[in-house]
Amino acid sequence: MREGKLDDALALYRKTLQTSPNSVPALNAAGNVLDLKGQGEEARKYFQKTIEVADTPEHKATAQRATAMSYAFEGNCKKTVEHEQEVFEYYGSVKSFFSRARLPTRRLGFASTRAIWIPRLTGIRWATTLD
């Protein structure tokens, strides 16, 4: 996928899902590829399946964030906020909030930065640091 061979990557993830249909990494990866190909509706089916079969709350939150980002790519702010709110609720409930609440910026094309949500009394803002 990093080499831009999206069709090859998608075929590999789908092959994995034939033998392991509840593979959280393969479901998320297939959804990510479909998002990158501009097939958000299809991508969200994979993310929804991940949410349904997630074996940990963190895996579920990761799929919810991917769903939110998929809607964000399409400019659907209402759905983005709806799904991201579930992610905030999860990360707000864990003790290591700051180390776990990283936004996967590589999906957005920011390979040299990472962004961390920082809660403030007035809301949420971005803090960006160099890797």
C-alpha atoms as a PDB file:
ATOM      1  CA  MET A   1       0.000   0.000   0.000  1.00  0.00           C
ATOM      2  CA  ARG A   2       2.872   2.387   0.795  1.00  0.00           C
ATOM      3  CA  GLU A   3       4.147   1.919  -2.758  1.00  0.00           C
ATOM      4  CA  GLY A   4       0.829   3.097  -4.186  1.00  0.00           C
ATOM      5  CA  LYS A   5      -0.270  -0.352  -5.339  1.00  0.00           C
ATOM      6  CA  LEU A   6      -3.753  -0.012  -3.927  1.00  0.00           C
ATOM      7  CA  ASP A   7      -5.395  -2.702  -6.054  1.00  0.00           C
ATOM      8  CA  ASP A   8      -2.710  -5.231  -5.096  1.00  0.00           C
ATOM      9  CA  ALA A   9      -3.040  -4.324  -1.425  1.00  0.00           C
ATOM     10  CA  LEU A  10      -6.825  -4.606  -1.531  1.00  0.00           C
ATOM     11  CA  ALA A  11      -6.592  -8.024  -3.195  1.00  0.00           C
ATOM     12  CA  LEU A  12      -4.220  -9.197  -0.460  1.00  0.00           C
ATOM     13  CA  TYR A  13      -6.501  -7.966   2.349  1.00  0.00           C
ATOM     14  CA  ARG A  14      -9.552  -9.550   0.716  1.00  0.00           C
ATOM     15  CA  LYS A  15      -7.666 -12.839   0.340  1.00  0.00           C
ATOM     16  CA  THR A  16      -6.822 -12.699   4.053  1.00  0.00           C
ATOM     17  CA  LEU A  17     -10.480 -12.058   4.850  1.00  0.00           C
ATOM     18  CA  GLN A  18     -11.517 -15.184   2.935  1.00  0.00           C
ATOM     19  CA  THR A  19      -9.706 -17.326   5.494  1.00  0.00           C
ATOM     20  CA  SER A  20     -10.076 -14.982   8.493  1.00  0.00           C
ATOM     21  CA  PRO A  21     -13.299 -13.001   7.963  1.00  0.00           C
ATOM     22  CA  ASN A  22     -13.081 -11.357  11.398  1.00  0.00           C
ATOM     23  CA  SER A  23      -9.474 -10.185  11.109  1.00  0.00           C
ATOM     24  CA  VAL A  24      -9.535  -6.684  12.567  1.00  0.00           C
ATOM     25  CA  PRO A  25      -6.242  -5.612  10.911  1.00  0.00           C
ATOM     26  CA  ALA A  26      -7.343  -6.897   7.484  1.00  0.00           C
ATOM     27  CA  LEU A  27     -10.801  -5.319   7.766  1.00  0.00           C
ATOM     28  CA  ASN A  28      -9.337  -1.945   8.732  1.00  0.00           C
ATOM     29  CA  ALA A  29      -6.653  -2.120   6.061  1.00  0.00           C
ATOM     30  CA  ALA A  30      -9.162  -3.005   3.335  1.00  0.00           C
ATOM     31  CA  GLY A  31     -11.338  -0.086   4.441  1.00  0.00           C
ATOM     32  CA  ASN A  32      -8.353   2.261   4.371  1.00  0.00           C
ATOM     33  CA  VAL A  33      -7.448   1.200   0.832  1.00  0.00           C
ATOM     34  CA  LEU A  34     -11.012   1.686  -0.360  1.00  0.00           C
ATOM     35  CA  ASP A  35     -11.052   5.156   1.214  1.00  0.00           C
ATOM     36  CA  LEU A  36      -7.844   6.030  -0.603  1.00  0.00           C
ATOM     37  CA  LYS A  37      -9.462   4.849  -3.835  1.00  0.00           C
ATOM     38  CA  GLY A  38     -12.412   7.169  -3.224  1.00  0.00           C
ATOM     39  CA  GLN A  39     -14.835   4.366  -2.387  1.00  0.00           C
ATOM     40  CA  GLY A  40     -15.964   5.638   1.011  1.00  0.00           C
ATOM     41  CA  GLU A  41     -19.301   3.851   1.121  1.00  0.00           C
ATOM     42  CA  GLU A  42     -17.648   0.482   0.513  1.00  0.00           C
ATOM     43  CA  ALA A  43     -14.842   1.338   2.975  1.00  0.00           C
ATOM     44  CA  ARG A  44     -17.337   2.054   5.732  1.00  0.00           C
ATOM     45  CA  LYS A  45     -18.803  -1.459   5.342  1.00  0.00           C
ATOM     46  CA  TYR A  46     -15.408  -2.845   6.335  1.00  0.00           C
ATOM     47  CA  PHE A  47     -15.089  -0.399   9.224  1.00  0.00           C
ATOM     48  CA  GLN A  48     -18.591  -1.319  10.436  1.00  0.00           C
ATOM     49  CA  LYS A  49     -17.691  -5.006  10.365  1.00  0.00           C
ATOM     50  CA  THR A  50     -14.556  -4.172  12.375  1.00  0.00           C
ATOM     51  CA  ILE A  51     -16.681  -2.372  14.978  1.00  0.00           C
ATOM     52  CA  GLU A  52     -18.947  -5.429  15.212  1.00  0.00           C
ATOM     53  CA  VAL A  53     -16.133  -7.978  15.653  1.00  0.00           C
ATOM     54  CA  ALA A  54     -13.583  -5.855  17.542  1.00  0.00           C
ATOM     55  CA  ASP A  55     -11.996  -7.836  20.352  1.00  0.00           C
ATOM     56  CA  THR A  56     -11.026  -4.788  22.412  1.00  0.00           C
ATOM     57  CA  PRO A  57     -12.550  -1.363  23.025  1.00  0.00           C
ATOM     58  CA  GLU A  58      -9.419   0.189  21.501  1.00  0.00           C
ATOM     59  CA  HIS A  59      -9.875  -1.750  18.251  1.00  0.00           C
ATOM     60  CA  LYS A  60     -13.487  -0.611  18.161  1.00  0.00           C
ATOM     61  CA  ALA A  61     -12.398   3.005  18.695  1.00  0.00           C
ATOM     62  CA  THR A  62      -9.841   2.674  15.886  1.00  0.00           C
ATOM     63  CA  ALA A  63     -12.572   1.528  13.500  1.00  0.00           C
ATOM     64  CA  GLN A  64     -14.880   4.310  14.687  1.00  0.00           C
ATOM     65  CA  ARG A  65     -12.128   6.833  13.982  1.00  0.00           C
ATOM     66  CA  ALA A  66     -11.581   5.337  10.517  1.00  0.00           C
ATOM     67  CA  THR A  67     -15.312   5.671   9.879  1.00  0.00           C
ATOM     68  CA  ALA A  68     -15.203   9.303  10.994  1.00  0.00           C
ATOM     69  CA  MET A  69     -12.241   9.994   8.714  1.00  0.00           C
ATOM     70  CA  SER A  70     -14.022   8.318   5.810  1.00  0.00           C
ATOM     71  CA  TYR A  71     -16.936  10.713   6.229  1.00  0.00           C
ATOM     72  CA  ALA A  72     -14.488  13.607   6.616  1.00  0.00           C
ATOM     73  CA  PHE A  73     -12.890  12.736   3.257  1.00  0.00           C
ATOM     74  CA  GLU A  74     -16.338  13.180   1.710  1.00  0.00           C
ATOM     75  CA  GLY A  75     -16.993  16.448   3.544  1.00  0.00           C
ATOM     76  CA  ASN A  76     -19.798  15.028   5.688  1.00  0.00           C
ATOM     77  CA  CYS A  77     -19.159  16.932   8.914  1.00  0.00           C
ATOM     78  CA  LYS A  78     -22.278  15.708  10.709  1.00  0.00           C
ATOM     79  CA  LYS A  79     -21.367  12.026  10.323  1.00  0.00           C
ATOM     80  CA  THR A  80     -17.699  12.753  11.048  1.00  0.00           C
ATOM     81  CA  VAL A  81     -18.548  14.366  14.379  1.00  0.00           C
ATOM     82  CA  GLU A  82     -21.065  11.642  15.211  1.00  0.00           C
ATOM     83  CA  HIS A  83     -18.469   8.883  14.885  1.00  0.00           C
ATOM     84  CA  GLU A  84     -15.556  10.855  16.311  1.00  0.00           C
ATOM     85  CA  GLN A  85     -17.592  11.604  19.446  1.00  0.00           C
ATOM     86  CA  GLU A  86     -17.634   7.870  20.200  1.00  0.00           C
ATOM     87  CA  VAL A  87     -13.846   7.854  19.888  1.00  0.00           C
ATOM     88  CA  PHE A  88     -13.539  10.810  22.290  1.00  0.00           C
ATOM     89  CA  GLU A  89     -15.745   9.033  24.801  1.00  0.00           C
ATOM     90  CA  TYR A  90     -13.539   5.946  24.699  1.00  0.00           C
ATOM     91  CA  TYR A  91     -10.211   7.776  24.912  1.00  0.00           C
ATOM     92  CA  GLY A  92     -11.560  10.042  27.621  1.00  0.00           C
ATOM     93  CA  SER A  93     -12.264   6.956  29.709  1.00  0.00           C
ATOM     94  CA  VAL A  94      -8.773   5.410  29.554  1.00  0.00           C
ATOM     95  CA  LYS A  95      -5.956   6.445  31.855  1.00  0.00           C
ATOM     96  CA  SER A  96      -3.313   6.813  29.153  1.00  0.00           C
ATOM     97  CA  PHE A  97      -5.420   9.189  27.042  1.00  0.00           C
ATOM     98  CA  PHE A  98      -2.517  11.258  25.721  1.00  0.00           C
ATOM     99  CA  SER A  99      -0.504   8.320  24.437  1.00  0.00           C
ATOM    100  CA  ARG A 100      -3.491   6.574  22.814  1.00  0.00           C
ATOM    101  CA  ALA A 101      -5.472   9.423  21.240  1.00  0.00           C
ATOM    102  CA  ARG A 102      -3.265   9.979  18.221  1.00  0.00           C
ATOM    103  CA  LEU A 103      -4.922  10.743  14.940  1.00  0.00           C
ATOM    104  CA  PRO A 104      -3.540   8.535  12.168  1.00  0.00           C
ATOM    105  CA  THR A 105      -2.256  11.416  10.044  1.00  0.00           C
ATOM    106  CA  ARG A 106      -0.546   9.146   7.523  1.00  0.00           C
ATOM    107  CA  ARG A 107      -4.018   8.430   6.112  1.00  0.00           C
ATOM    108  CA  LEU A 108      -4.328  12.151   5.512  1.00  0.00           C
ATOM    109  CA  GLY A 109      -0.940  12.390   3.816  1.00  0.00           C
ATOM    110  CA  PHE A 110       1.029  14.015   6.640  1.00  0.00           C
ATOM    111  CA  ALA A 111       3.827  11.466   6.918  1.00  0.00           C
ATOM    112  CA  SER A 112       6.251  13.727   8.800  1.00  0.00           C
ATOM    113  CA  THR A 113       3.912  14.930  11.514  1.00  0.00           C
ATOM    114  CA  ARG A 114       1.701  13.474  14.131  1.00  0.00           C
ATOM    115  CA  ALA A 115      -1.250  15.234  15.620  1.00  0.00           C
ATOM    116  CA  ILE A 116      -2.549  14.700  19.095  1.00  0.00           C
ATOM    117  CA  TRP A 117      -5.947  15.767  20.384  1.00  0.00           C
ATOM    118  CA  ILE A 118      -5.490  17.891  23.483  1.00  0.00           C
ATOM    119  CA  PRO A 119      -8.517  18.519  25.649  1.00  0.00           C
ATOM    120  CA  ARG A 120      -9.019  22.050  26.896  1.00  0.00           C
ATOM    121  CA  LEU A 121     -11.722  23.511  29.042  1.00  0.00           C
ATOM    122  CA  THR A 122     -12.952  25.313  25.950  1.00  0.00           C
ATOM    123  CA  GLY A 123     -12.938  22.272  23.675  1.00  0.00           C
ATOM    124  CA  ILE A 124     -10.524  20.263  21.580  1.00  0.00           C
ATOM    125  CA  ARG A 125      -7.630  21.706  19.574  1.00  0.00           C
ATOM    126  CA  TRP A 126      -4.752  20.338  17.500  1.00  0.00           C
ATOM    127  CA  ALA A 127      -1.152  20.233  18.617  1.00  0.00           C
ATOM    128  CA  THR A 128       1.274  19.182  15.914  1.00  0.00           C
ATOM    129  CA  THR A 129       4.826  18.023  16.536  1.00  0.00           C
ATOM    130  CA  LEU A 130       7.521  16.789  14.216  1.00  0.00           C
ATOM    131  CA  ASP A 131       8.369  13.091  14.364  1.00  0.00           C
END
